[in-house]
Amino acid sequence: MAKFLMTPTIYSEKVITARIGANADNTRANDNDVGKFVKLGGDSQYVLVSSADPIEGVVTSVETGVYDGYSLGGVVGKGFVEATANGLQATPGVGVLAVGDYVYATAPAAIQVADTAPRKVVSATTQATAKTAPHKARVVSLGTAGTGAVGTTVVIELL
């Protein structure tokens, strides 16, 4: 019998429309940015996360037109999403994630550039601080590999 695993739900969650990226021509979001983690960046605007940032949402879509100088897109801030394990915050690329670990983002590829390993996350060095932060994400499944090792797919919950 196959093992039960939690699966992503972000495409069935409430989507908000927001500005995505900066408003300069070379920093507007495009289809390559769908699936990347974002954080609030300004008035009605989300920007890509940097390393060790809390995860505030995931880009679910990007409009091809430009509105008010910005790309618009969909952002989901709650639910389950797949991510790539990337070790520990203090030593990205080394260590394993465990169920219940609070995680931060690893910087994605630059805006307009496709990610080769989507949505990398690292286990927060100080779990107590991450647990009480206003924007939290934690590991809820170690995926089919079941290890949380670097490069494996895990499922995180955006709280």
N, C-alpha and C. Protein backbone atom coordinates (compact mmCIF):
# COMPACT_ATOMS: atom_id res chain seq x y z
N MET A 1 0.83 -1.17 0.00
CA MET A 1 0.00 0.00 0.00
C MET A 1 0.89 1.25 0.00
N ALA A 2 0.53 2.22 -0.81
CA ALA A 2 1.31 3.45 -0.92
C ALA A 2 1.21 4.28 0.35
N LYS A 3 2.28 4.99 0.65
CA LYS A 3 2.33 5.84 1.83
C LYS A 3 1.51 7.11 1.58
N PHE A 4 0.71 7.52 2.56
CA PHE A 4 -0.03 8.77 2.45
C PHE A 4 0.92 9.94 2.67
N LEU A 5 0.83 10.96 1.82
CA LEU A 5 1.64 12.16 1.95
C LEU A 5 0.77 13.40 1.78
N MET A 6 1.03 14.42 2.56
CA MET A 6 0.36 15.70 2.34
C MET A 6 0.79 16.24 0.99
N THR A 7 -0.11 16.93 0.33
CA THR A 7 0.18 17.47 -0.99
C THR A 7 -0.09 18.97 -1.03
N PRO A 8 0.46 19.66 -2.02
CA PRO A 8 0.25 21.10 -2.12
C PRO A 8 -1.22 21.48 -2.24
N THR A 9 -1.57 22.59 -1.60
CA THR A 9 -2.93 23.12 -1.67
C THR A 9 -2.97 24.57 -2.16
N ILE A 10 -1.81 25.14 -2.47
CA ILE A 10 -1.81 26.58 -2.76
C ILE A 10 -2.68 26.97 -3.95
N TYR A 11 -2.96 26.04 -4.85
CA TYR A 11 -3.79 26.39 -6.00
C TYR A 11 -5.27 26.30 -5.69
N SER A 12 -5.63 25.91 -4.47
CA SER A 12 -7.02 25.92 -4.06
C SER A 12 -7.26 26.92 -2.93
N GLU A 13 -6.24 27.69 -2.59
CA GLU A 13 -6.34 28.70 -1.54
C GLU A 13 -6.73 30.05 -2.14
N LYS A 14 -7.07 30.99 -1.28
CA LYS A 14 -7.43 32.34 -1.69
C LYS A 14 -6.21 33.03 -2.32
N VAL A 15 -6.40 33.55 -3.51
CA VAL A 15 -5.33 34.25 -4.23
C VAL A 15 -5.60 35.75 -4.16
N ILE A 16 -4.57 36.52 -3.84
CA ILE A 16 -4.70 37.97 -3.90
C ILE A 16 -3.96 38.48 -5.13
N THR A 17 -4.39 39.60 -5.65
CA THR A 17 -3.72 40.23 -6.78
C THR A 17 -2.83 41.34 -6.22
N ALA A 18 -1.58 41.38 -6.68
CA ALA A 18 -0.64 42.38 -6.18
C ALA A 18 0.36 42.74 -7.28
N ARG A 19 1.06 43.84 -7.06
CA ARG A 19 2.20 44.16 -7.92
C ARG A 19 3.29 43.14 -7.61
N ILE A 20 3.98 42.66 -8.64
CA ILE A 20 5.04 41.68 -8.44
C ILE A 20 6.34 42.25 -9.00
N GLY A 21 7.37 42.33 -8.16
CA GLY A 21 8.66 42.86 -8.58
C GLY A 21 8.68 44.38 -8.54
N ALA A 22 9.78 44.94 -9.00
CA ALA A 22 9.92 46.39 -9.06
C ALA A 22 9.28 46.89 -10.35
N ASN A 23 9.22 48.20 -10.53
CA ASN A 23 8.53 48.71 -11.71
C ASN A 23 9.44 49.04 -12.88
N ALA A 24 10.72 48.77 -12.77
CA ALA A 24 11.63 49.00 -13.89
C ALA A 24 11.47 47.86 -14.91
N ASP A 25 11.73 48.15 -16.17
CA ASP A 25 11.55 47.14 -17.22
C ASP A 25 12.27 45.83 -16.94
N ASN A 26 13.49 45.90 -16.41
CA ASN A 26 14.27 44.67 -16.21
C ASN A 26 14.00 43.99 -14.87
N THR A 27 13.08 44.53 -14.07
CA THR A 27 12.78 43.89 -12.80
C THR A 27 11.29 43.61 -12.63
N ARG A 28 10.53 43.63 -13.71
CA ARG A 28 9.13 43.22 -13.65
C ARG A 28 9.08 41.70 -13.73
N ALA A 29 8.14 41.13 -13.02
CA ALA A 29 8.00 39.68 -13.02
C ALA A 29 7.47 39.18 -14.36
N ASN A 30 7.79 37.92 -14.67
CA ASN A 30 7.23 37.26 -15.85
C ASN A 30 6.91 35.81 -15.48
N ASP A 31 6.56 35.00 -16.45
CA ASP A 31 6.16 33.61 -16.17
C ASP A 31 7.23 32.80 -15.46
N ASN A 32 8.50 33.16 -15.60
CA ASN A 32 9.58 32.44 -14.91
C ASN A 32 9.52 32.61 -13.39
N ASP A 33 8.75 33.59 -12.93
CA ASP A 33 8.68 33.87 -11.49
C ASP A 33 7.53 33.15 -10.79
N VAL A 34 6.68 32.49 -11.56
CA VAL A 34 5.59 31.72 -10.96
C VAL A 34 6.20 30.60 -10.11
N GLY A 35 5.71 30.47 -8.90
CA GLY A 35 6.19 29.44 -7.98
C GLY A 35 7.26 29.93 -7.03
N LYS A 36 7.79 31.13 -7.22
CA LYS A 36 8.84 31.64 -6.32
C LYS A 36 8.24 32.23 -5.06
N PHE A 37 9.01 32.18 -3.97
CA PHE A 37 8.61 32.78 -2.70
C PHE A 37 8.77 34.29 -2.77
N VAL A 38 7.85 35.01 -2.10
CA VAL A 38 7.88 36.47 -2.08
C VAL A 38 7.65 36.99 -0.67
N LYS A 39 7.96 38.29 -0.51
CA LYS A 39 7.71 39.02 0.73
C LYS A 39 7.15 40.39 0.34
N LEU A 40 6.50 41.05 1.28
CA LEU A 40 5.96 42.38 1.02
C LEU A 40 7.11 43.33 0.72
N GLY A 41 6.98 44.09 -0.36
CA GLY A 41 8.07 44.96 -0.76
C GLY A 41 7.71 46.43 -0.83
N GLY A 42 6.45 46.75 -0.73
CA GLY A 42 6.00 48.13 -0.82
C GLY A 42 4.48 48.16 -0.89
N ASP A 43 3.95 49.32 -1.26
CA ASP A 43 2.51 49.50 -1.34
C ASP A 43 1.91 48.57 -2.38
N SER A 44 1.12 47.62 -1.95
CA SER A 44 0.45 46.66 -2.83
C SER A 44 1.43 45.87 -3.68
N GLN A 45 2.62 45.63 -3.17
CA GLN A 45 3.71 45.05 -3.96
C GLN A 45 4.44 43.94 -3.21
N TYR A 46 4.72 42.85 -3.91
CA TYR A 46 5.54 41.77 -3.40
C TYR A 46 6.80 41.68 -4.24
N VAL A 47 7.92 41.34 -3.59
CA VAL A 47 9.20 41.16 -4.26
C VAL A 47 9.75 39.80 -3.88
N LEU A 48 10.71 39.30 -4.65
CA LEU A 48 11.30 38.00 -4.33
C LEU A 48 12.02 38.06 -2.99
N VAL A 49 11.99 36.95 -2.27
CA VAL A 49 12.69 36.86 -0.99
C VAL A 49 14.20 36.87 -1.20
N SER A 50 14.91 37.17 -0.14
CA SER A 50 16.37 37.03 -0.09
C SER A 50 16.67 35.83 0.80
N SER A 51 17.92 35.45 0.91
CA SER A 51 18.28 34.33 1.78
C SER A 51 17.90 34.63 3.22
N ALA A 52 17.38 33.61 3.90
CA ALA A 52 16.98 33.65 5.31
C ALA A 52 15.81 34.59 5.58
N ASP A 53 15.02 34.91 4.55
CA ASP A 53 13.81 35.71 4.75
C ASP A 53 12.66 34.80 5.14
N PRO A 54 11.75 35.31 5.99
CA PRO A 54 10.49 34.60 6.20
C PRO A 54 9.72 34.57 4.88
N ILE A 55 8.93 33.55 4.70
CA ILE A 55 8.16 33.38 3.47
C ILE A 55 6.77 33.94 3.69
N GLU A 56 6.41 34.96 2.91
CA GLU A 56 5.09 35.57 3.07
C GLU A 56 4.10 35.08 2.02
N GLY A 57 4.59 34.50 0.94
CA GLY A 57 3.68 34.01 -0.09
C GLY A 57 4.41 33.34 -1.22
N VAL A 58 3.61 32.82 -2.15
CA VAL A 58 4.11 32.15 -3.35
C VAL A 58 3.40 32.78 -4.55
N VAL A 59 4.15 33.11 -5.59
CA VAL A 59 3.56 33.65 -6.81
C VAL A 59 2.86 32.50 -7.54
N THR A 60 1.58 32.69 -7.85
CA THR A 60 0.82 31.65 -8.54
C THR A 60 0.54 31.98 -9.99
N SER A 61 0.68 33.27 -10.36
CA SER A 61 0.45 33.68 -11.75
C SER A 61 1.04 35.07 -11.95
N VAL A 62 1.32 35.40 -13.21
CA VAL A 62 1.81 36.73 -13.56
C VAL A 62 1.09 37.17 -14.83
N GLU A 63 0.56 38.39 -14.81
CA GLU A 63 -0.09 38.97 -15.98
C GLU A 63 0.96 39.40 -16.99
N THR A 64 0.64 39.32 -18.26
CA THR A 64 1.60 39.74 -19.28
C THR A 64 1.61 41.24 -19.48
N GLY A 65 0.53 41.92 -19.13
CA GLY A 65 0.47 43.37 -19.29
C GLY A 65 1.15 44.09 -18.15
N VAL A 66 1.33 45.39 -18.33
CA VAL A 66 1.93 46.24 -17.31
C VAL A 66 0.86 47.22 -16.84
N TYR A 67 0.68 47.32 -15.54
CA TYR A 67 -0.32 48.19 -14.95
C TYR A 67 0.36 49.11 -13.96
N ASP A 68 0.19 50.43 -14.17
CA ASP A 68 0.80 51.39 -13.26
C ASP A 68 2.31 51.20 -13.18
N GLY A 69 2.91 50.70 -14.27
CA GLY A 69 4.35 50.48 -14.31
C GLY A 69 4.82 49.15 -13.72
N TYR A 70 3.90 48.30 -13.26
CA TYR A 70 4.24 47.04 -12.61
C TYR A 70 3.61 45.85 -13.33
N SER A 71 4.20 44.69 -13.15
CA SER A 71 3.53 43.44 -13.49
C SER A 71 2.58 43.14 -12.34
N LEU A 72 1.43 42.59 -12.65
CA LEU A 72 0.51 42.14 -11.62
C LEU A 72 0.52 40.62 -11.60
N GLY A 73 0.22 40.07 -10.45
CA GLY A 73 0.18 38.62 -10.37
C GLY A 73 -0.59 38.16 -9.16
N GLY A 74 -0.78 36.85 -9.09
CA GLY A 74 -1.46 36.25 -7.96
C GLY A 74 -0.45 35.80 -6.92
N VAL A 75 -0.80 35.99 -5.65
CA VAL A 75 0.04 35.56 -4.54
C VAL A 75 -0.84 34.83 -3.53
N VAL A 76 -0.37 33.69 -3.07
CA VAL A 76 -1.06 32.92 -2.03
C VAL A 76 -0.16 32.92 -0.80
N GLY A 77 -0.74 33.24 0.36
CA GLY A 77 0.03 33.33 1.59
C GLY A 77 -0.27 32.25 2.62
N LYS A 78 -1.14 31.31 2.30
CA LYS A 78 -1.50 30.23 3.23
C LYS A 78 -1.57 28.92 2.47
N GLY A 79 -1.45 27.83 3.19
CA GLY A 79 -1.62 26.52 2.59
C GLY A 79 -0.33 25.73 2.54
N PHE A 80 -0.39 24.59 1.85
CA PHE A 80 0.75 23.69 1.71
C PHE A 80 1.40 23.87 0.35
N VAL A 81 2.74 23.85 0.32
CA VAL A 81 3.47 24.03 -0.93
C VAL A 81 4.73 23.16 -0.90
N GLU A 82 5.08 22.60 -2.06
CA GLU A 82 6.33 21.84 -2.14
C GLU A 82 7.51 22.79 -2.12
N ALA A 83 8.59 22.32 -1.53
CA ALA A 83 9.83 23.09 -1.48
C ALA A 83 11.00 22.12 -1.57
N THR A 84 12.17 22.65 -1.87
CA THR A 84 13.38 21.85 -1.94
C THR A 84 14.19 22.06 -0.67
N ALA A 85 14.48 21.00 0.04
CA ALA A 85 15.28 21.08 1.27
C ALA A 85 16.69 21.56 0.92
N ASN A 86 17.19 22.53 1.71
CA ASN A 86 18.53 23.06 1.45
C ASN A 86 19.35 23.15 2.73
N GLY A 87 19.07 22.28 3.69
CA GLY A 87 19.91 22.22 4.89
C GLY A 87 19.54 23.22 5.95
N LEU A 88 20.58 23.71 6.64
CA LEU A 88 20.41 24.57 7.80
C LEU A 88 20.69 26.02 7.45
N GLN A 89 20.04 26.93 8.16
CA GLN A 89 20.23 28.36 7.92
C GLN A 89 21.70 28.76 8.04
N ALA A 90 22.39 28.25 9.05
CA ALA A 90 23.79 28.61 9.29
C ALA A 90 24.72 28.03 8.23
N THR A 91 24.33 26.91 7.64
CA THR A 91 25.18 26.24 6.65
C THR A 91 24.32 25.71 5.50
N PRO A 92 23.78 26.60 4.64
CA PRO A 92 22.96 26.13 3.53
C PRO A 92 23.71 25.08 2.71
N GLY A 93 22.97 24.05 2.31
CA GLY A 93 23.57 22.97 1.55
C GLY A 93 24.08 21.84 2.42
N VAL A 94 24.01 22.00 3.75
CA VAL A 94 24.48 20.99 4.70
C VAL A 94 23.39 20.78 5.75
N GLY A 95 23.10 19.54 6.09
CA GLY A 95 22.13 19.22 7.13
C GLY A 95 20.81 18.74 6.56
N VAL A 96 19.92 18.34 7.44
CA VAL A 96 18.62 17.82 7.02
C VAL A 96 17.50 18.57 7.72
N LEU A 97 16.34 18.58 7.07
CA LEU A 97 15.14 19.15 7.66
C LEU A 97 14.35 18.04 8.34
N ALA A 98 13.61 18.40 9.37
CA ALA A 98 12.76 17.44 10.08
C ALA A 98 11.33 17.98 10.11
N VAL A 99 10.38 17.07 10.23
CA VAL A 99 8.98 17.49 10.36
C VAL A 99 8.86 18.39 11.58
N GLY A 100 8.18 19.51 11.42
CA GLY A 100 8.01 20.48 12.50
C GLY A 100 9.02 21.60 12.49
N ASP A 101 10.12 21.46 11.72
CA ASP A 101 11.11 22.54 11.63
C ASP A 101 10.47 23.77 10.99
N TYR A 102 10.72 24.92 11.60
CA TYR A 102 10.34 26.18 10.97
C TYR A 102 11.44 26.54 9.99
N VAL A 103 11.04 27.03 8.83
CA VAL A 103 11.99 27.24 7.74
C VAL A 103 11.94 28.67 7.21
N TYR A 104 13.06 29.07 6.65
CA TYR A 104 13.18 30.33 5.93
C TYR A 104 13.53 30.03 4.48
N ALA A 105 13.38 31.04 3.66
CA ALA A 105 13.67 30.89 2.24
C ALA A 105 15.16 30.98 1.96
N THR A 106 15.57 30.35 0.90
CA THR A 106 16.87 30.56 0.30
C THR A 106 16.60 31.41 -0.94
N ALA A 107 17.45 32.36 -1.24
CA ALA A 107 17.19 33.26 -2.36
C ALA A 107 16.94 32.48 -3.65
N PRO A 108 15.88 32.84 -4.38
CA PRO A 108 15.61 32.18 -5.65
C PRO A 108 16.50 32.75 -6.75
N ALA A 109 16.36 32.21 -7.94
CA ALA A 109 17.04 32.80 -9.10
C ALA A 109 16.54 34.23 -9.25
N ALA A 110 17.30 35.06 -9.94
CA ALA A 110 16.92 36.45 -10.15
C ALA A 110 15.55 36.55 -10.82
N ILE A 111 14.92 37.69 -10.65
CA ILE A 111 13.62 37.90 -11.27
C ILE A 111 13.75 37.70 -12.78
N GLN A 112 12.76 37.12 -13.39
CA GLN A 112 12.67 36.78 -14.81
C GLN A 112 13.53 35.58 -15.21
N VAL A 113 14.19 34.93 -14.24
CA VAL A 113 15.04 33.78 -14.53
C VAL A 113 14.42 32.55 -13.86
N ALA A 114 14.26 31.47 -14.63
CA ALA A 114 13.67 30.24 -14.08
C ALA A 114 14.58 29.62 -13.03
N ASP A 115 13.98 29.09 -11.97
CA ASP A 115 14.72 28.39 -10.93
C ASP A 115 14.99 26.96 -11.37
N THR A 116 16.20 26.46 -11.11
CA THR A 116 16.50 25.07 -11.43
C THR A 116 16.05 24.14 -10.30
N ALA A 117 16.12 24.60 -9.06
CA ALA A 117 15.61 23.84 -7.92
C ALA A 117 14.62 24.76 -7.20
N PRO A 118 13.35 24.58 -7.48
CA PRO A 118 12.37 25.56 -6.99
C PRO A 118 12.22 25.62 -5.48
N ARG A 119 11.96 26.81 -5.01
CA ARG A 119 11.57 27.08 -3.63
C ARG A 119 12.45 26.40 -2.59
N LYS A 120 13.71 26.74 -2.53
CA LYS A 120 14.61 26.16 -1.53
C LYS A 120 14.33 26.76 -0.15
N VAL A 121 14.38 25.89 0.87
CA VAL A 121 14.18 26.33 2.24
C VAL A 121 15.27 25.76 3.14
N VAL A 122 15.57 26.51 4.22
CA VAL A 122 16.54 26.08 5.21
C VAL A 122 15.88 26.08 6.59
N SER A 123 16.32 25.18 7.44
CA SER A 123 15.81 25.12 8.81
C SER A 123 16.33 26.33 9.58
N ALA A 124 15.43 27.05 10.24
CA ALA A 124 15.81 28.24 10.99
C ALA A 124 16.76 27.89 12.12
N THR A 125 17.81 28.67 12.29
CA THR A 125 18.78 28.44 13.35
C THR A 125 18.12 28.54 14.72
N THR A 126 17.30 29.55 14.92
CA THR A 126 16.60 29.73 16.19
C THR A 126 15.12 29.42 15.97
N GLN A 127 14.73 28.20 16.27
CA GLN A 127 13.36 27.76 16.03
C GLN A 127 12.34 28.59 16.82
N ALA A 128 12.67 29.00 18.06
CA ALA A 128 11.72 29.77 18.88
C ALA A 128 11.39 31.10 18.22
N THR A 129 12.40 31.76 17.66
CA THR A 129 12.18 33.04 16.99
C THR A 129 11.33 32.84 15.74
N ALA A 130 11.66 31.82 14.95
CA ALA A 130 10.91 31.55 13.73
C ALA A 130 9.47 31.19 14.05
N LYS A 131 9.25 30.49 15.15
CA LYS A 131 7.90 30.05 15.53
C LYS A 131 7.02 31.23 15.91
N THR A 132 7.59 32.28 16.45
CA THR A 132 6.79 33.44 16.89
C THR A 132 6.79 34.57 15.88
N ALA A 133 7.47 34.41 14.76
CA ALA A 133 7.50 35.45 13.73
C ALA A 133 6.11 35.62 13.12
N PRO A 134 5.80 36.81 12.61
CA PRO A 134 4.48 37.01 12.02
C PRO A 134 4.23 36.17 10.76
N HIS A 135 5.27 35.85 10.02
CA HIS A 135 5.13 35.02 8.82
C HIS A 135 5.93 33.75 9.04
N LYS A 136 5.20 32.64 9.15
CA LYS A 136 5.84 31.38 9.51
C LYS A 136 5.62 30.34 8.43
N ALA A 137 6.58 29.45 8.32
CA ALA A 137 6.44 28.27 7.46
C ALA A 137 7.14 27.12 8.17
N ARG A 138 6.52 25.94 8.12
CA ARG A 138 7.13 24.79 8.78
C ARG A 138 6.97 23.55 7.91
N VAL A 139 7.87 22.61 8.11
CA VAL A 139 7.86 21.35 7.37
C VAL A 139 6.74 20.47 7.93
N VAL A 140 5.89 19.96 7.04
CA VAL A 140 4.82 19.05 7.47
C VAL A 140 4.95 17.67 6.85
N SER A 141 5.79 17.54 5.82
CA SER A 141 6.02 16.23 5.19
C SER A 141 7.42 16.19 4.60
N LEU A 142 8.07 15.06 4.74
CA LEU A 142 9.39 14.87 4.16
C LEU A 142 9.31 14.29 2.75
N GLY A 143 8.13 14.24 2.18
CA GLY A 143 7.95 13.81 0.81
C GLY A 143 8.27 12.34 0.59
N THR A 144 8.39 11.96 -0.66
CA THR A 144 8.60 10.55 -0.99
C THR A 144 9.96 10.04 -0.54
N ALA A 145 10.97 10.91 -0.49
CA ALA A 145 12.30 10.49 -0.02
C ALA A 145 12.27 10.18 1.47
N GLY A 146 11.48 10.95 2.21
CA GLY A 146 11.34 10.70 3.64
C GLY A 146 12.54 11.03 4.48
N THR A 147 13.48 11.84 3.94
CA THR A 147 14.72 12.10 4.68
C THR A 147 14.92 13.56 5.06
N GLY A 148 14.41 14.51 4.29
CA GLY A 148 14.68 15.92 4.53
C GLY A 148 16.09 16.32 4.12
N ALA A 149 16.78 15.44 3.39
CA ALA A 149 18.15 15.71 2.95
C ALA A 149 18.16 16.81 1.89
N VAL A 150 19.30 17.46 1.77
CA VAL A 150 19.48 18.52 0.78
C VAL A 150 19.11 18.00 -0.61
N GLY A 151 18.30 18.78 -1.31
CA GLY A 151 17.89 18.44 -2.66
C GLY A 151 16.62 17.63 -2.76
N THR A 152 16.11 17.14 -1.62
CA THR A 152 14.85 16.37 -1.67
C THR A 152 13.66 17.31 -1.57
N THR A 153 12.52 16.83 -2.03
CA THR A 153 11.30 17.63 -1.99
C THR A 153 10.57 17.38 -0.68
N VAL A 154 10.20 18.48 -0.02
CA VAL A 154 9.42 18.42 1.21
C VAL A 154 8.15 19.24 0.98
N VAL A 155 7.20 19.11 1.89
CA VAL A 155 6.01 19.96 1.84
C VAL A 155 6.05 20.85 3.09
N ILE A 156 5.87 22.15 2.86
CA ILE A 156 5.83 23.10 3.98
C ILE A 156 4.44 23.71 4.05
N GLU A 157 4.11 24.14 5.24
CA GLU A 157 2.84 24.83 5.46
C GLU A 157 3.12 26.30 5.70
N LEU A 158 2.47 27.16 4.93
CA LEU A 158 2.55 28.60 5.16
C LEU A 158 1.47 28.94 6.17
N LEU A 159 1.88 29.44 7.32
CA LEU A 159 0.94 29.69 8.41
C LEU A 159 0.51 31.15 8.48
